[in-house]
Amino acid sequence: MTDHHTTLPEGKVPQLRVMPMPADANVHGDVFGGWIMAQVDIAGALPAVRRANGRVATIAVNSFLFKQPVFVGDLLSFYAEVVKVGNTSITVNVEVYAERNRLQVETVKVTEATLTYVATDEERKPRQLPPLQG
């Protein structure tokens, strides 16, 4: 069996940290994939909102890979990074790590995804991204 243990990315700050609870899992204690997807969407939207300087909407889940199961009580860290910017769109990579076993911490990468967001105006119509501040 392959050893999936790793460490949290050095020098990076997670966009989101959360611990799934029993209501987020099936009867066997495995966290629902849909719950993880929702958290990934929130984490990915945070740098997109910063880059857009305002409202964004998710327009695509370009890829989503569940690498390892997530369990109730895992401490999940979501790292998100803008990887592409268009006229109205922002593509973000998200990596999710789980810290397990509180006494002897075991860290595993559990999920990775790429999502695209579009900047929207007050009427929820696409809008141009503002220029980067120098």
C-alpha atoms as a PDB file:
ATOM      1  CA  MET A   1       0.000   0.000   0.000  1.00  0.00           C
ATOM      2  CA  THR A   2       1.283   3.462  -0.914  1.00  0.00           C
ATOM      3  CA  ASP A   3       2.174   5.863   1.890  1.00  0.00           C
ATOM      4  CA  HIS A   4       0.023   8.970   1.374  1.00  0.00           C
ATOM      5  CA  HIS A   5       1.402  10.926   4.339  1.00  0.00           C
ATOM      6  CA  THR A   6       2.652  14.420   3.622  1.00  0.00           C
ATOM      7  CA  THR A   7       2.941  17.794   5.328  1.00  0.00           C
ATOM      8  CA  LEU A   8       1.005  21.013   5.009  1.00  0.00           C
ATOM      9  CA  PRO A   9       2.424  23.361   2.337  1.00  0.00           C
ATOM     10  CA  GLU A  10       5.194  25.474   3.851  1.00  0.00           C
ATOM     11  CA  GLY A  11       4.946  29.236   3.648  1.00  0.00           C
ATOM     12  CA  LYS A  12       1.293  29.169   2.572  1.00  0.00           C
ATOM     13  CA  VAL A  13      -1.703  30.210   4.650  1.00  0.00           C
ATOM     14  CA  PRO A  14      -4.885  28.188   4.253  1.00  0.00           C
ATOM     15  CA  GLN A  15      -7.930  30.061   2.946  1.00  0.00           C
ATOM     16  CA  LEU A  16     -10.194  27.967   5.151  1.00  0.00           C
ATOM     17  CA  ARG A  17      -9.860  25.467   8.002  1.00  0.00           C
ATOM     18  CA  VAL A  18     -12.802  23.382   9.115  1.00  0.00           C
ATOM     19  CA  MET A  19     -13.581  20.149  10.945  1.00  0.00           C
ATOM     20  CA  PRO A  20     -16.408  17.990   9.573  1.00  0.00           C
ATOM     21  CA  MET A  21     -19.024  16.949  12.109  1.00  0.00           C
ATOM     22  CA  PRO A  22     -21.223  13.813  12.289  1.00  0.00           C
ATOM     23  CA  ALA A  23     -24.037  15.523  10.329  1.00  0.00           C
ATOM     24  CA  ASP A  24     -21.572  15.889   7.399  1.00  0.00           C
ATOM     25  CA  ALA A  25     -20.972  12.137   7.105  1.00  0.00           C
ATOM     26  CA  ASN A  26     -22.683   8.894   6.248  1.00  0.00           C
ATOM     27  CA  VAL A  27     -23.388   6.157   8.810  1.00  0.00           C
ATOM     28  CA  HIS A  28     -19.826   4.841   8.423  1.00  0.00           C
ATOM     29  CA  GLY A  29     -18.196   8.174   9.334  1.00  0.00           C
ATOM     30  CA  ASP A  30     -17.061   9.027   5.804  1.00  0.00           C
ATOM     31  CA  VAL A  31     -17.684  12.684   4.975  1.00  0.00           C
ATOM     32  CA  PHE A  32     -20.002  13.291   2.012  1.00  0.00           C
ATOM     33  CA  GLY A  33     -18.230  14.328  -1.180  1.00  0.00           C
ATOM     34  CA  GLY A  34     -20.837  17.045  -1.734  1.00  0.00           C
ATOM     35  CA  TRP A  35     -19.977  18.622   1.622  1.00  0.00           C
ATOM     36  CA  ILE A  36     -16.298  18.674   0.657  1.00  0.00           C
ATOM     37  CA  MET A  37     -17.184  20.182  -2.730  1.00  0.00           C
ATOM     38  CA  ALA A  38     -19.116  22.996  -1.040  1.00  0.00           C
ATOM     39  CA  GLN A  39     -16.156  23.807   1.215  1.00  0.00           C
ATOM     40  CA  VAL A  40     -13.785  23.759  -1.786  1.00  0.00           C
ATOM     41  CA  ASP A  41     -16.095  26.207  -3.585  1.00  0.00           C
ATOM     42  CA  ILE A  42     -16.037  28.563  -0.583  1.00  0.00           C
ATOM     43  CA  ALA A  43     -12.243  28.343  -0.274  1.00  0.00           C
ATOM     44  CA  GLY A  44     -11.733  28.924  -4.001  1.00  0.00           C
ATOM     45  CA  ALA A  45     -14.075  31.892  -4.038  1.00  0.00           C
ATOM     46  CA  LEU A  46     -12.030  33.770  -1.418  1.00  0.00           C
ATOM     47  CA  PRO A  47      -9.004  34.616  -3.614  1.00  0.00           C
ATOM     48  CA  ALA A  48     -11.361  35.081  -6.597  1.00  0.00           C
ATOM     49  CA  VAL A  49     -13.358  37.705  -4.670  1.00  0.00           C
ATOM     50  CA  ARG A  50     -10.110  39.472  -3.720  1.00  0.00           C
ATOM     51  CA  ARG A  51      -8.901  39.512  -7.339  1.00  0.00           C
ATOM     52  CA  ALA A  52     -12.316  40.607  -8.649  1.00  0.00           C
ATOM     53  CA  ASN A  53     -12.646  43.190  -5.880  1.00  0.00           C
ATOM     54  CA  GLY A  54     -16.261  42.128  -5.436  1.00  0.00           C
ATOM     55  CA  ARG A  55     -18.903  39.565  -6.225  1.00  0.00           C
ATOM     56  CA  VAL A  56     -18.081  36.379  -8.146  1.00  0.00           C
ATOM     57  CA  ALA A  57     -20.099  33.366  -9.251  1.00  0.00           C
ATOM     58  CA  THR A  58     -18.855  29.826  -9.811  1.00  0.00           C
ATOM     59  CA  ILE A  59     -19.223  29.010 -13.500  1.00  0.00           C
ATOM     60  CA  ALA A  60     -17.236  25.776 -13.813  1.00  0.00           C
ATOM     61  CA  VAL A  61     -15.723  22.960 -11.843  1.00  0.00           C
ATOM     62  CA  ASN A  62     -12.939  22.125 -14.273  1.00  0.00           C
ATOM     63  CA  SER A  63     -11.586  19.184 -12.304  1.00  0.00           C
ATOM     64  CA  PHE A  64     -12.218  17.573  -8.951  1.00  0.00           C
ATOM     65  CA  LEU A  65     -10.289  14.634  -7.548  1.00  0.00           C
ATOM     66  CA  PHE A  66     -11.002  12.882  -4.254  1.00  0.00           C
ATOM     67  CA  LYS A  67      -7.609  11.362  -3.418  1.00  0.00           C
ATOM     68  CA  GLN A  68      -8.338   9.989   0.068  1.00  0.00           C
ATOM     69  CA  PRO A  69     -11.439   9.663   2.268  1.00  0.00           C
ATOM     70  CA  VAL A  70     -12.254  12.363   4.806  1.00  0.00           C
ATOM     71  CA  PHE A  71     -13.479  11.387   8.277  1.00  0.00           C
ATOM     72  CA  VAL A  72     -15.441  13.088  11.007  1.00  0.00           C
ATOM     73  CA  GLY A  73     -12.917  14.861  13.230  1.00  0.00           C
ATOM     74  CA  ASP A  74     -10.281  15.455  10.545  1.00  0.00           C
ATOM     75  CA  LEU A  75      -8.979  19.025  10.585  1.00  0.00           C
ATOM     76  CA  LEU A  76      -9.161  20.132   6.955  1.00  0.00           C
ATOM     77  CA  SER A  77      -6.975  22.908   5.539  1.00  0.00           C
ATOM     78  CA  PHE A  78      -7.964  24.394   2.168  1.00  0.00           C
ATOM     79  CA  TYR A  79      -5.240  26.107   0.135  1.00  0.00           C
ATOM     80  CA  ALA A  80      -6.426  28.158  -2.855  1.00  0.00           C
ATOM     81  CA  GLU A  81      -4.406  29.994  -5.483  1.00  0.00           C
ATOM     82  CA  VAL A  82      -5.393  32.001  -8.562  1.00  0.00           C
ATOM     83  CA  VAL A  83      -3.772  30.325 -11.582  1.00  0.00           C
ATOM     84  CA  LYS A  84      -5.384  32.125 -14.521  1.00  0.00           C
ATOM     85  CA  VAL A  85      -7.145  35.437 -15.086  1.00  0.00           C
ATOM     86  CA  GLY A  86      -9.224  36.381 -18.135  1.00  0.00           C
ATOM     87  CA  ASN A  87     -11.322  39.469 -18.877  1.00  0.00           C
ATOM     88  CA  THR A  88     -14.131  38.466 -16.500  1.00  0.00           C
ATOM     89  CA  SER A  89     -13.019  35.043 -15.243  1.00  0.00           C
ATOM     90  CA  ILE A  90     -10.656  33.771 -12.574  1.00  0.00           C
ATOM     91  CA  THR A  91      -9.432  30.172 -12.364  1.00  0.00           C
ATOM     92  CA  VAL A  92      -8.397  28.877  -8.949  1.00  0.00           C
ATOM     93  CA  ASN A  93      -6.626  25.676  -7.863  1.00  0.00           C
ATOM     94  CA  VAL A  94      -7.636  24.316  -4.453  1.00  0.00           C
ATOM     95  CA  GLU A  95      -5.776  21.643  -2.470  1.00  0.00           C
ATOM     96  CA  VAL A  96      -7.216  20.098   0.678  1.00  0.00           C
ATOM     97  CA  TYR A  97      -5.190  18.430   3.428  1.00  0.00           C
ATOM     98  CA  ALA A  98      -6.506  16.481   6.414  1.00  0.00           C
ATOM     99  CA  GLU A  99      -4.717  16.352   9.758  1.00  0.00           C
ATOM    100  CA  ARG A 100      -5.625  13.204  11.674  1.00  0.00           C
ATOM    101  CA  ASN A 101      -4.783  11.568  14.985  1.00  0.00           C
ATOM    102  CA  ARG A 102      -4.371  14.514  17.329  1.00  0.00           C
ATOM    103  CA  LEU A 103      -1.536  13.009  19.423  1.00  0.00           C
ATOM    104  CA  GLN A 104       0.656  11.960  16.506  1.00  0.00           C
ATOM    105  CA  VAL A 105      -0.488  14.160  13.663  1.00  0.00           C
ATOM    106  CA  GLU A 106      -0.822  12.381  10.341  1.00  0.00           C
ATOM    107  CA  THR A 107      -1.344  14.673   7.331  1.00  0.00           C
ATOM    108  CA  VAL A 108      -2.756  13.479   4.007  1.00  0.00           C
ATOM    109  CA  LYS A 109      -3.755  15.311   0.846  1.00  0.00           C
ATOM    110  CA  VAL A 110      -7.405  14.402   0.390  1.00  0.00           C
ATOM    111  CA  THR A 111      -8.707  16.525  -2.480  1.00  0.00           C
ATOM    112  CA  GLU A 112      -7.572  18.752  -5.325  1.00  0.00           C
ATOM    113  CA  ALA A 113      -9.763  20.795  -7.641  1.00  0.00           C
ATOM    114  CA  THR A 114      -9.757  23.570 -10.216  1.00  0.00           C
ATOM    115  CA  LEU A 115     -12.713  25.946 -10.405  1.00  0.00           C
ATOM    116  CA  THR A 116     -13.531  28.968 -12.537  1.00  0.00           C
ATOM    117  CA  TYR A 117     -15.389  32.006 -11.226  1.00  0.00           C
ATOM    118  CA  VAL A 118     -16.723  35.012 -13.115  1.00  0.00           C
ATOM    119  CA  ALA A 119     -16.816  38.536 -11.711  1.00  0.00           C
ATOM    120  CA  THR A 120     -20.392  39.843 -11.614  1.00  0.00           C
ATOM    121  CA  ASP A 121     -22.051  43.201 -11.084  1.00  0.00           C
ATOM    122  CA  GLU A 122     -25.018  44.101  -8.855  1.00  0.00           C
ATOM    123  CA  GLU A 123     -27.375  42.601 -11.456  1.00  0.00           C
ATOM    124  CA  ARG A 124     -25.338  39.382 -11.475  1.00  0.00           C
ATOM    125  CA  LYS A 125     -24.118  39.999 -15.025  1.00  0.00           C
ATOM    126  CA  PRO A 126     -20.459  39.386 -15.971  1.00  0.00           C
ATOM    127  CA  ARG A 127     -18.197  42.411 -15.548  1.00  0.00           C
ATOM    128  CA  GLN A 128     -14.590  43.221 -16.442  1.00  0.00           C
ATOM    129  CA  LEU A 129     -11.997  42.493 -13.795  1.00  0.00           C
ATOM    130  CA  PRO A 130     -10.340  45.598 -12.385  1.00  0.00           C
ATOM    131  CA  PRO A 131      -6.669  46.151 -13.254  1.00  0.00           C
ATOM    132  CA  LEU A 132      -4.138  44.872 -10.725  1.00  0.00           C
ATOM    133  CA  GLN A 133      -2.998  47.525  -8.267  1.00  0.00           C
ATOM    134  CA  GLY A 134       0.738  48.182  -8.615  1.00  0.00           C
END
